[in-house]
């Protein structure tokens, strides 16, 4: 069976959160999750356990698209070092940097 995407995980987690917030018992919520998402009972309880610690529904995850770019070797070294020290992925760092650059350009452009 293929792994769930991040978007599917957030959808299931939010459904678990809503079921618990609506007053469903853990057993009834697990049954509902199993039926709606074709999950094992064990996996349904994992989502419920995680949802129990949320204060609000999780933010939806935007799908990512792989791209290929060419950058100088020194930039790649700096990027890898920063990713390692920050605990972020290279994709997260690049996405944030590009978003910040575009936002700044729009304000001044």
PDB file of N, CA and C in Angstrom:
ATOM      1  N   UNK A   1       0.848  -1.183   0.000  1.00  0.00           N
ATOM      2  CA  UNK A   1       0.000   0.000   0.000  1.00  0.00           C
ATOM      3  C   UNK A   1       0.890   1.242   0.000  1.00  0.00           C
ATOM      4  N   UNK A   2       0.609   2.223  -0.862  1.00  0.00           N
ATOM      5  CA  UNK A   2       1.456   3.418  -0.931  1.00  0.00           C
ATOM      6  C   UNK A   2       1.301   4.288   0.318  1.00  0.00           C
ATOM      7  N   UNK A   3       2.348   5.042   0.595  1.00  0.00           N
ATOM      8  CA  UNK A   3       2.315   5.954   1.736  1.00  0.00           C
ATOM      9  C   UNK A   3       1.332   7.090   1.479  1.00  0.00           C
ATOM     10  N   UNK A   4       0.793   7.626   2.534  1.00  0.00           N
ATOM     11  CA  UNK A   4      -0.118   8.767   2.424  1.00  0.00           C
ATOM     12  C   UNK A   4       0.682  10.029   2.160  1.00  0.00           C
ATOM     13  N   UNK A   5       0.111  10.920   1.376  1.00  0.00           N
ATOM     14  CA  UNK A   5       0.752  12.207   1.136  1.00  0.00           C
ATOM     15  C   UNK A   5       0.565  13.087   2.373  1.00  0.00           C
ATOM     16  N   UNK A   6       1.345  14.151   2.449  1.00  0.00           N
ATOM     17  CA  UNK A   6       1.202  15.083   3.571  1.00  0.00           C
ATOM     18  C   UNK A   6      -0.203  15.682   3.597  1.00  0.00           C
ATOM     19  N   UNK A   7      -0.747  15.973   2.425  1.00  0.00           N
ATOM     20  CA  UNK A   7      -2.096  16.543   2.358  1.00  0.00           C
ATOM     21  C   UNK A   7      -3.132  15.556   2.902  1.00  0.00           C
ATOM     22  N   UNK A   8      -2.972  14.268   2.578  1.00  0.00           N
ATOM     23  CA  UNK A   8      -3.898  13.251   3.093  1.00  0.00           C
ATOM     24  C   UNK A   8      -3.771  13.120   4.609  1.00  0.00           C
ATOM     25  N   UNK A   9      -2.553  13.181   5.109  1.00  0.00           N
ATOM     26  CA  UNK A   9      -2.344  13.084   6.554  1.00  0.00           C
ATOM     27  C   UNK A   9      -3.017  14.240   7.280  1.00  0.00           C
ATOM     28  N   UNK A  10      -2.888  15.451   6.750  1.00  0.00           N
ATOM     29  CA  UNK A  10      -3.515  16.616   7.375  1.00  0.00           C
ATOM     30  C   UNK A  10      -5.031  16.483   7.326  1.00  0.00           C
ATOM     31  N   UNK A  11      -5.556  16.002   6.214  1.00  0.00           N
ATOM     32  CA  UNK A  11      -7.008  15.814   6.090  1.00  0.00           C
ATOM     33  C   UNK A  11      -7.515  14.826   7.145  1.00  0.00           C
ATOM     34  N   UNK A  12      -6.803  13.736   7.330  1.00  0.00           N
ATOM     35  CA  UNK A  12      -7.205  12.722   8.314  1.00  0.00           C
ATOM     36  C   UNK A  12      -7.051  13.243   9.738  1.00  0.00           C
ATOM     37  N   UNK A  13      -5.987  13.967   9.977  1.00  0.00           N
ATOM     38  CA  UNK A  13      -5.755  14.541  11.297  1.00  0.00           C
ATOM     39  C   UNK A  13      -6.854  15.546  11.641  1.00  0.00           C
ATOM     40  N   UNK A  14      -7.225  16.386  10.691  1.00  0.00           N
ATOM     41  CA  UNK A  14      -8.283  17.363  10.929  1.00  0.00           C
ATOM     42  C   UNK A  14      -9.636  16.688  11.131  1.00  0.00           C
ATOM     43  N   UNK A  15      -9.880  15.607  10.418  1.00  0.00           N
ATOM     44  CA  UNK A  15     -11.127  14.863  10.621  1.00  0.00           C
ATOM     45  C   UNK A  15     -11.149  14.282  12.037  1.00  0.00           C
ATOM     46  N   UNK A  16     -10.028  13.739  12.479  1.00  0.00           N
ATOM     47  CA  UNK A  16      -9.940  13.204  13.842  1.00  0.00           C
ATOM     48  C   UNK A  16     -10.176  14.311  14.860  1.00  0.00           C
ATOM     49  N   UNK A  17      -9.584  15.480  14.622  1.00  0.00           N
ATOM     50  CA  UNK A  17      -9.766  16.628  15.513  1.00  0.00           C
ATOM     51  C   UNK A  17     -11.246  17.012  15.594  1.00  0.00           C
ATOM     52  N   UNK A  18     -11.908  17.079  14.435  1.00  0.00           N
ATOM     53  CA  UNK A  18     -13.324  17.463  14.399  1.00  0.00           C
ATOM     54  C   UNK A  18     -14.210  16.435  15.103  1.00  0.00           C
ATOM     55  N   UNK A  19     -13.899  15.162  14.935  1.00  0.00           N
ATOM     56  CA  UNK A  19     -14.684  14.121  15.600  1.00  0.00           C
ATOM     57  C   UNK A  19     -14.564  14.227  17.122  1.00  0.00           C
ATOM     58  N   UNK A  20     -13.329  14.433  17.597  1.00  0.00           N
ATOM     59  CA  UNK A  20     -13.135  14.573  19.045  1.00  0.00           C
ATOM     60  C   UNK A  20     -13.794  15.846  19.566  1.00  0.00           C
ATOM     61  N   UNK A  21     -13.689  16.939  18.802  1.00  0.00           N
ATOM     62  CA  UNK A  21     -14.306  18.209  19.213  1.00  0.00           C
ATOM     63  C   UNK A  21     -15.829  18.100  19.238  1.00  0.00           C
ATOM     64  N   UNK A  22     -16.386  17.234  18.394  1.00  0.00           N
ATOM     65  CA  UNK A  22     -17.839  17.046  18.345  1.00  0.00           C
ATOM     66  C   UNK A  22     -18.332  16.134  19.463  1.00  0.00           C
ATOM     67  N   UNK A  23     -17.402  15.602  20.260  1.00  0.00           N
ATOM     68  CA  UNK A  23     -17.802  14.789  21.400  1.00  0.00           C
ATOM     69  C   UNK A  23     -17.838  13.291  21.158  1.00  0.00           C
ATOM     70  N   UNK A  24     -17.337  12.845  20.022  1.00  0.00           N
ATOM     71  CA  UNK A  24     -17.295  11.403  19.774  1.00  0.00           C
ATOM     72  C   UNK A  24     -16.350  10.744  20.764  1.00  0.00           C
ATOM     73  N   UNK A  25     -16.691   9.544  21.191  1.00  0.00           N
ATOM     74  CA  UNK A  25     -15.780   8.768  22.030  1.00  0.00           C
ATOM     75  C   UNK A  25     -14.614   8.331  21.145  1.00  0.00           C
ATOM     76  N   UNK A  26     -13.473   8.024  21.731  1.00  0.00           N
ATOM     77  CA  UNK A  26     -12.356   7.559  20.908  1.00  0.00           C
ATOM     78  C   UNK A  26     -12.707   6.336  20.056  1.00  0.00           C
ATOM     79  N   UNK A  27     -13.463   5.419  20.600  1.00  0.00           N
ATOM     80  CA  UNK A  27     -13.844   4.220  19.838  1.00  0.00           C
ATOM     81  C   UNK A  27     -14.738   4.577  18.649  1.00  0.00           C
ATOM     82  N   UNK A  28     -15.720   5.453  18.879  1.00  0.00           N
ATOM     83  CA  UNK A  28     -16.620   5.862  17.791  1.00  0.00           C
ATOM     84  C   UNK A  28     -15.866   6.676  16.747  1.00  0.00           C
ATOM     85  N   UNK A  29     -14.956   7.542  17.194  1.00  0.00           N
ATOM     86  CA  UNK A  29     -14.160   8.347  16.264  1.00  0.00           C
ATOM     87  C   UNK A  29     -13.253   7.439  15.436  1.00  0.00           C
ATOM     88  N   UNK A  30     -12.663   6.429  16.065  1.00  0.00           N
ATOM     89  CA  UNK A  30     -11.805   5.485  15.339  1.00  0.00           C
ATOM     90  C   UNK A  30     -12.614   4.738  14.285  1.00  0.00           C
ATOM     91  N   UNK A  31     -13.819   4.319  14.646  1.00  0.00           N
ATOM     92  CA  UNK A  31     -14.679   3.636  13.675  1.00  0.00           C
ATOM     93  C   UNK A  31     -14.978   4.542  12.481  1.00  0.00           C
ATOM     94  N   UNK A  32     -15.279   5.797  12.762  1.00  0.00           N
ATOM     95  CA  UNK A  32     -15.594   6.746  11.683  1.00  0.00           C
ATOM     96  C   UNK A  32     -14.380   6.963  10.776  1.00  0.00           C
ATOM     97  N   UNK A  33     -13.201   7.101  11.369  1.00  0.00           N
ATOM     98  CA  UNK A  33     -11.991   7.285  10.564  1.00  0.00           C
ATOM     99  C   UNK A  33     -11.701   6.054   9.713  1.00  0.00           C
ATOM    100  N   UNK A  34     -11.859   4.874  10.293  1.00  0.00           N
ATOM    101  CA  UNK A  34     -11.631   3.629   9.553  1.00  0.00           C
ATOM    102  C   UNK A  34     -12.551   3.537   8.344  1.00  0.00           C
ATOM    103  N   UNK A  35     -13.806   3.885   8.558  1.00  0.00           N
ATOM    104  CA  UNK A  35     -14.789   3.792   7.478  1.00  0.00           C
ATOM    105  C   UNK A  35     -14.543   4.846   6.403  1.00  0.00           C
ATOM    106  N   UNK A  36     -14.280   6.070   6.820  1.00  0.00           N
ATOM    107  CA  UNK A  36     -14.140   7.163   5.856  1.00  0.00           C
ATOM    108  C   UNK A  36     -12.861   7.071   5.030  1.00  0.00           C
ATOM    109  N   UNK A  37     -11.759   6.668   5.667  1.00  0.00           N
ATOM    110  CA  UNK A  37     -10.466   6.693   4.985  1.00  0.00           C
ATOM    111  C   UNK A  37      -9.878   5.302   4.737  1.00  0.00           C
ATOM    112  N   UNK A  38     -10.607   4.243   5.032  1.00  0.00           N
ATOM    113  CA  UNK A  38     -10.129   2.868   4.864  1.00  0.00           C
ATOM    114  C   UNK A  38      -8.811   2.657   5.617  1.00  0.00           C
ATOM    115  N   UNK A  39      -8.786   3.109   6.867  1.00  0.00           N
ATOM    116  CA  UNK A  39      -7.607   2.972   7.719  1.00  0.00           C
ATOM    117  C   UNK A  39      -7.736   1.738   8.593  1.00  0.00           C
ATOM    118  N   UNK A  40      -6.608   1.258   9.065  1.00  0.00           N
ATOM    119  CA  UNK A  40      -6.646   0.219  10.094  1.00  0.00           C
ATOM    120  C   UNK A  40      -7.062   0.892  11.401  1.00  0.00           C
ATOM    121  N   UNK A  41      -7.568   0.112  12.308  1.00  0.00           N
ATOM    122  CA  UNK A  41      -7.977   0.665  13.607  1.00  0.00           C
ATOM    123  C   UNK A  41      -6.771   1.271  14.331  1.00  0.00           C
ATOM    124  N   UNK A  42      -5.648   0.617  14.222  1.00  0.00           N
ATOM    125  CA  UNK A  42      -4.432   1.107  14.862  1.00  0.00           C
ATOM    126  C   UNK A  42      -4.025   2.483  14.309  1.00  0.00           C
ATOM    127  N   UNK A  43      -4.082   2.627  12.973  1.00  0.00           N
ATOM    128  CA  UNK A  43      -3.728   3.919  12.364  1.00  0.00           C
ATOM    129  C   UNK A  43      -4.740   4.989  12.741  1.00  0.00           C
ATOM    130  N   UNK A  44      -6.011   4.637  12.828  1.00  0.00           N
ATOM    131  CA  UNK A  44      -7.037   5.597  13.235  1.00  0.00           C
ATOM    132  C   UNK A  44      -6.739   6.123  14.639  1.00  0.00           C
ATOM    133  N   UNK A  45      -6.349   5.232  15.537  1.00  0.00           N
ATOM    134  CA  UNK A  45      -6.012   5.656  16.900  1.00  0.00           C
ATOM    135  C   UNK A  45      -4.765   6.537  16.930  1.00  0.00           C
ATOM    136  N   UNK A  46      -3.837   6.307  16.013  1.00  0.00           N
ATOM    137  CA  UNK A  46      -2.652   7.183  15.938  1.00  0.00           C
ATOM    138  C   UNK A  46      -3.064   8.611  15.566  1.00  0.00           C
ATOM    139  N   UNK A  47      -3.959   8.732  14.596  1.00  0.00           N
ATOM    140  CA  UNK A  47      -4.449  10.063  14.220  1.00  0.00           C
ATOM    141  C   UNK A  47      -5.195  10.706  15.390  1.00  0.00           C
ATOM    142  N   UNK A  48      -5.999   9.923  16.096  1.00  0.00           N
ATOM    143  CA  UNK A  48      -6.749  10.460  17.232  1.00  0.00           C
ATOM    144  C   UNK A  48      -5.815  10.915  18.347  1.00  0.00           C
ATOM    145  N   UNK A  49      -4.771  10.158  18.595  1.00  0.00           N
ATOM    146  CA  UNK A  49      -3.804  10.526  19.627  1.00  0.00           C
ATOM    147  C   UNK A  49      -3.116  11.844  19.277  1.00  0.00           C
ATOM    148  N   UNK A  50      -2.751  11.983  18.017  1.00  0.00           N
ATOM    149  CA  UNK A  50      -2.117  13.233  17.586  1.00  0.00           C
ATOM    150  C   UNK A  50      -3.110  14.394  17.621  1.00  0.00           C
ATOM    151  N   UNK A  51      -4.351  14.147  17.202  1.00  0.00           N
ATOM    152  CA  UNK A  51      -5.377  15.197  17.174  1.00  0.00           C
ATOM    153  C   UNK A  51      -5.728  15.670  18.573  1.00  0.00           C
ATOM    154  N   UNK A  52      -5.618  14.786  19.545  1.00  0.00           N
ATOM    155  CA  UNK A  52      -5.956  15.123  20.930  1.00  0.00           C
ATOM    156  C   UNK A  52      -5.063  16.254  21.459  1.00  0.00           C
ATOM    157  N   UNK A  53      -3.868  16.381  20.914  1.00  0.00           N
ATOM    158  CA  UNK A  53      -2.927  17.403  21.379  1.00  0.00           C
ATOM    159  C   UNK A  53      -3.035  18.718  20.608  1.00  0.00           C
ATOM    160  N   UNK A  54      -3.900  18.783  19.599  1.00  0.00           N
ATOM    161  CA  UNK A  54      -4.056  20.009  18.812  1.00  0.00           C
ATOM    162  C   UNK A  54      -5.003  20.975  19.513  1.00  0.00           C
ATOM    163  N   UNK A  55      -4.717  22.257  19.375  1.00  0.00           N
ATOM    164  CA  UNK A  55      -5.615  23.292  19.891  1.00  0.00           C
ATOM    165  C   UNK A  55      -6.584  23.767  18.806  1.00  0.00           C
ATOM    166  N   UNK A  56      -6.191  23.570  17.551  1.00  0.00           N
ATOM    167  CA  UNK A  56      -7.007  23.967  16.400  1.00  0.00           C
ATOM    168  C   UNK A  56      -6.677  23.014  15.254  1.00  0.00           C
ATOM    169  N   UNK A  57      -7.518  22.978  14.224  1.00  0.00           N
ATOM    170  CA  UNK A  57      -7.207  22.111  13.078  1.00  0.00           C
ATOM    171  C   UNK A  57      -5.846  22.472  12.471  1.00  0.00           C
ATOM    172  N   UNK A  58      -5.186  21.481  11.932  1.00  0.00           N
ATOM    173  CA  UNK A  58      -3.887  21.698  11.293  1.00  0.00           C
ATOM    174  C   UNK A  58      -4.066  22.461   9.987  1.00  0.00           C
ATOM    175  N   UNK A  59      -3.079  23.276   9.654  1.00  0.00           N
ATOM    176  CA  UNK A  59      -3.128  24.047   8.409  1.00  0.00           C
ATOM    177  C   UNK A  59      -2.975  23.104   7.220  1.00  0.00           C
ATOM    178  N   UNK A  60      -3.746  23.340   6.156  1.00  0.00           N
ATOM    179  CA  UNK A  60      -3.632  22.477   4.981  1.00  0.00           C
ATOM    180  C   UNK A  60      -2.228  22.576   4.373  1.00  0.00           C
ATOM    181  N   UNK A  61      -1.807  21.491   3.773  1.00  0.00           N
ATOM    182  CA  UNK A  61      -0.492  21.428   3.165  1.00  0.00           C
ATOM    183  C   UNK A  61      -0.644  21.622   1.662  1.00  0.00           C
ATOM    184  N   UNK A  62       0.136  22.535   1.120  1.00  0.00           N
ATOM    185  CA  UNK A  62       0.104  22.763  -0.318  1.00  0.00           C
ATOM    186  C   UNK A  62       0.989  21.732  -1.003  1.00  0.00           C
ATOM    187  N   UNK A  63       0.509  21.188  -2.100  1.00  0.00           N
ATOM    188  CA  UNK A  63       1.286  20.201  -2.849  1.00  0.00           C
ATOM    189  C   UNK A  63       2.571  20.839  -3.369  1.00  0.00           C
ATOM    190  N   UNK A  64       3.623  20.050  -3.417  1.00  0.00           N
ATOM    191  CA  UNK A  64       4.896  20.539  -3.932  1.00  0.00           C
ATOM    192  C   UNK A  64       5.170  19.925  -5.292  1.00  0.00           C
ATOM    193  N   UNK A  65       5.930  20.646  -6.085  1.00  0.00           N
ATOM    194  CA  UNK A  65       6.281  20.205  -7.431  1.00  0.00           C
ATOM    195  C   UNK A  65       7.795  20.236  -7.550  1.00  0.00           C
ATOM    196  N   UNK A  66       8.411  19.143  -7.952  1.00  0.00           N
ATOM    197  CA  UNK A  66       9.865  19.150  -8.085  1.00  0.00           C
ATOM    198  C   UNK A  66      10.305  20.000  -9.276  1.00  0.00           C
ATOM    199  N   UNK A  67      11.377  20.748  -9.088  1.00  0.00           N
ATOM    200  CA  UNK A  67      11.968  21.523 -10.180  1.00  0.00           C
ATOM    201  C   UNK A  67      13.480  21.321 -10.145  1.00  0.00           C
ATOM    202  N   UNK A  68      14.114  21.621 -11.232  1.00  0.00           N
ATOM    203  CA  UNK A  68      15.571  21.543 -11.311  1.00  0.00           C
ATOM    204  C   UNK A  68      16.097  22.940 -11.578  1.00  0.00           C
ATOM    205  N   UNK A  69      17.068  23.353 -10.775  1.00  0.00           N
ATOM    206  CA  UNK A  69      17.708  24.649 -10.973  1.00  0.00           C
ATOM    207  C   UNK A  69      19.217  24.456 -10.933  1.00  0.00           C
ATOM    208  N   UNK A  70      19.926  25.386 -11.510  1.00  0.00           N
ATOM    209  CA  UNK A  70      21.380  25.338 -11.480  1.00  0.00           C
ATOM    210  C   UNK A  70      21.868  26.556 -10.715  1.00  0.00           C
ATOM    211  N   UNK A  71      22.668  26.296  -9.701  1.00  0.00           N
ATOM    212  CA  UNK A  71      23.238  27.366  -8.883  1.00  0.00           C
ATOM    213  C   UNK A  71      24.724  27.081  -8.700  1.00  0.00           C
ATOM    214  N   UNK A  72      25.504  28.101  -8.384  1.00  0.00           N
ATOM    215  CA  UNK A  72      26.938  27.890  -8.186  1.00  0.00           C
ATOM    216  C   UNK A  72      27.217  26.898  -7.059  1.00  0.00           C
ATOM    217  N   UNK A  73      28.324  26.179  -7.184  1.00  0.00           N
ATOM    218  CA  UNK A  73      28.694  25.146  -6.211  1.00  0.00           C
ATOM    219  C   UNK A  73      28.798  25.716  -4.803  1.00  0.00           C
ATOM    220  N   UNK A  74      29.351  26.920  -4.676  1.00  0.00           N
ATOM    221  CA  UNK A  74      29.482  27.528  -3.347  1.00  0.00           C
ATOM    222  C   UNK A  74      28.108  27.774  -2.713  1.00  0.00           C
ATOM    223  N   UNK A  75      27.149  28.170  -3.515  1.00  0.00           N
ATOM    224  CA  UNK A  75      25.791  28.391  -3.014  1.00  0.00           C
ATOM    225  C   UNK A  75      25.188  27.081  -2.523  1.00  0.00           C
ATOM    226  N   UNK A  76      25.429  26.005  -3.242  1.00  0.00           N
ATOM    227  CA  UNK A  76      24.930  24.689  -2.832  1.00  0.00           C
ATOM    228  C   UNK A  76      25.558  24.279  -1.503  1.00  0.00           C
ATOM    229  N   UNK A  77      26.846  24.515  -1.341  1.00  0.00           N
ATOM    230  CA  UNK A  77      27.526  24.180  -0.086  1.00  0.00           C
ATOM    231  C   UNK A  77      26.913  24.960   1.078  1.00  0.00           C
ATOM    232  N   UNK A  78      26.690  26.258   0.860  1.00  0.00           N
ATOM    233  CA  UNK A  78      26.084  27.076   1.921  1.00  0.00           C
ATOM    234  C   UNK A  78      24.668  26.603   2.228  1.00  0.00           C
ATOM    235  N   UNK A  79      23.928  26.276   1.190  1.00  0.00           N
ATOM    236  CA  UNK A  79      22.548  25.823   1.356  1.00  0.00           C
ATOM    237  C   UNK A  79      22.497  24.513   2.135  1.00  0.00           C
ATOM    238  N   UNK A  80      23.350  23.577   1.799  1.00  0.00           N
ATOM    239  CA  UNK A  80      23.383  22.296   2.509  1.00  0.00           C
ATOM    240  C   UNK A  80      23.784  22.486   3.971  1.00  0.00           C
ATOM    241  N   UNK A  81      24.757  23.338   4.209  1.00  0.00           N
ATOM    242  CA  UNK A  81      25.200  23.593   5.581  1.00  0.00           C
ATOM    243  C   UNK A  81      24.075  24.229   6.389  1.00  0.00           C
ATOM    244  N   UNK A  82      23.384  25.192   5.783  1.00  0.00           N
ATOM    245  CA  UNK A  82      22.278  25.846   6.483  1.00  0.00           C
ATOM    246  C   UNK A  82      21.145  24.853   6.753  1.00  0.00           C
ATOM    247  N   UNK A  83      20.852  24.010   5.776  1.00  0.00           N
ATOM    248  CA  UNK A  83      19.796  23.004   5.957  1.00  0.00           C
ATOM    249  C   UNK A  83      20.150  22.069   7.109  1.00  0.00           C
ATOM    250  N   UNK A  84      21.394  21.660   7.158  1.00  0.00           N
ATOM    251  CA  UNK A  84      21.826  20.753   8.228  1.00  0.00           C
ATOM    252  C   UNK A  84      21.720  21.418   9.598  1.00  0.00           C
ATOM    253  N   UNK A  85      22.174  22.661   9.686  1.00  0.00           N
ATOM    254  CA  UNK A  85      22.176  23.339  10.993  1.00  0.00           C
ATOM    255  C   UNK A  85      20.777  23.773  11.436  1.00  0.00           C
ATOM    256  N   UNK A  86      19.897  24.050  10.482  1.00  0.00           N
ATOM    257  CA  UNK A  86      18.561  24.540  10.832  1.00  0.00           C
ATOM    258  C   UNK A  86      17.540  23.420  11.015  1.00  0.00           C
ATOM    259  N   UNK A  87      17.839  22.242  10.463  1.00  0.00           N
ATOM    260  CA  UNK A  87      16.880  21.149  10.518  1.00  0.00           C
ATOM    261  C   UNK A  87      15.793  21.254   9.456  1.00  0.00           C
ATOM    262  N   UNK A  88      15.920  22.214   8.571  1.00  0.00           N
ATOM    263  CA  UNK A  88      14.962  22.380   7.480  1.00  0.00           C
ATOM    264  C   UNK A  88      15.462  21.638   6.250  1.00  0.00           C
ATOM    265  N   UNK A  89      14.555  21.350   5.330  1.00  0.00           N
ATOM    266  CA  UNK A  89      14.970  20.750   4.068  1.00  0.00           C
ATOM    267  C   UNK A  89      15.424  21.853   3.122  1.00  0.00           C
ATOM    268  N   UNK A  90      16.193  21.463   2.123  1.00  0.00           N
ATOM    269  CA  UNK A  90      16.634  22.434   1.122  1.00  0.00           C
ATOM    270  C   UNK A  90      15.417  23.032   0.420  1.00  0.00           C
ATOM    271  N   UNK A  91      14.430  22.208   0.144  1.00  0.00           N
ATOM    272  CA  UNK A  91      13.213  22.701  -0.505  1.00  0.00           C
ATOM    273  C   UNK A  91      12.501  23.759   0.323  1.00  0.00           C
ATOM    274  N   UNK A  92      12.423  23.548   1.645  1.00  0.00           N
ATOM    275  CA  UNK A  92      11.786  24.543   2.525  1.00  0.00           C
ATOM    276  C   UNK A  92      12.550  25.867   2.489  1.00  0.00           C
ATOM    277  N   UNK A  93      13.864  25.770   2.561  1.00  0.00           N
ATOM    278  CA  UNK A  93      14.692  26.984   2.573  1.00  0.00           C
ATOM    279  C   UNK A  93      14.529  27.747   1.272  1.00  0.00           C
ATOM    280  N   UNK A  94      14.609  27.052   0.152  1.00  0.00           N
ATOM    281  CA  UNK A  94      14.491  27.707  -1.151  1.00  0.00           C
ATOM    282  C   UNK A  94      13.094  28.297  -1.319  1.00  0.00           C
ATOM    283  N   UNK A  95      12.059  27.570  -0.925  1.00  0.00           N
ATOM    284  CA  UNK A  95      10.690  28.079  -1.056  1.00  0.00           C
ATOM    285  C   UNK A  95      10.497  29.353  -0.242  1.00  0.00           C
ATOM    286  N   UNK A  96      11.010  29.365   0.991  1.00  0.00           N
ATOM    287  CA  UNK A  96      10.889  30.566   1.826  1.00  0.00           C
ATOM    288  C   UNK A  96      11.661  31.737   1.236  1.00  0.00           C
ATOM    289  N   UNK A  97      12.874  31.462   0.756  1.00  0.00           N
ATOM    290  CA  UNK A  97      13.699  32.536   0.197  1.00  0.00           C
ATOM    291  C   UNK A  97      13.054  33.126  -1.057  1.00  0.00           C
ATOM    292  N   UNK A  98      12.551  32.273  -1.932  1.00  0.00           N
ATOM    293  CA  UNK A  98      11.917  32.758  -3.161  1.00  0.00           C
ATOM    294  C   UNK A  98      10.646  33.528  -2.830  1.00  0.00           C
ATOM    295  N   UNK A  99       9.843  33.024  -1.907  1.00  0.00           N
ATOM    296  CA  UNK A  99       8.614  33.723  -1.513  1.00  0.00           C
ATOM    297  C   UNK A  99       8.929  35.100  -0.943  1.00  0.00           C
ATOM    298  N   UNK A 100       9.944  35.173  -0.092  1.00  0.00           N
ATOM    299  CA  UNK A 100      10.330  36.462   0.496  1.00  0.00           C
ATOM    300  C   UNK A 100      10.827  37.416  -0.576  1.00  0.00           C
ATOM    301  N   UNK A 101      11.611  36.919  -1.509  1.00  0.00           N
ATOM    302  CA  UNK A 101      12.133  37.768  -2.588  1.00  0.00           C
ATOM    303  C   UNK A 101      11.001  38.305  -3.459  1.00  0.00           C
ATOM    304  N   UNK A 102      10.077  37.434  -3.824  1.00  0.00           N
ATOM    305  CA  UNK A 102       8.958  37.858  -4.679  1.00  0.00           C
ATOM    306  C   UNK A 102       8.076  38.860  -3.935  1.00  0.00           C
ATOM    307  N   UNK A 103       7.806  38.623  -2.665  1.00  0.00           N
ATOM    308  CA  UNK A 103       6.980  39.544  -1.877  1.00  0.00           C
ATOM    309  C   UNK A 103       7.659  40.907  -1.771  1.00  0.00           C
ATOM    310  N   UNK A 104       8.958  40.918  -1.538  1.00  0.00           N
ATOM    311  CA  UNK A 104       9.696  42.175  -1.422  1.00  0.00           C
ATOM    312  C   UNK A 104       9.717  42.917  -2.756  1.00  0.00           C
ATOM    313  N   UNK A 105       9.861  42.176  -3.847  1.00  0.00           N
ATOM    314  CA  UNK A 105       9.893  42.769  -5.180  1.00  0.00           C
ATOM    315  C   UNK A 105       8.542  43.397  -5.519  1.00  0.00           C
ATOM    316  N   UNK A 106       7.468  42.746  -5.130  1.00  0.00           N
ATOM    317  CA  UNK A 106       6.122  43.286  -5.389  1.00  0.00           C
ATOM    318  C   UNK A 106       5.880  44.585  -4.637  1.00  0.00           C
ATOM    319  N   UNK A 107       6.372  44.674  -3.418  1.00  0.00           N
ATOM    320  CA  UNK A 107       6.177  45.893  -2.627  1.00  0.00           C
ATOM    321  C   UNK A 107       6.958  47.075  -3.217  1.00  0.00           C
ATOM    322  N   UNK A 108       8.137  46.775  -3.757  1.00  0.00           N
ATOM    323  CA  UNK A 108       8.993  47.850  -4.248  1.00  0.00           C
ATOM    324  C   UNK A 108       8.899  48.032  -5.763  1.00  0.00           C
ATOM    325  N   UNK A 109       8.195  47.145  -6.422  1.00  0.00           N
ATOM    326  CA  UNK A 109       8.195  47.137  -7.870  1.00  0.00           C
ATOM    327  C   UNK A 109       7.092  47.905  -8.460  1.00  0.00           C
TER     328      UNK A 109
END
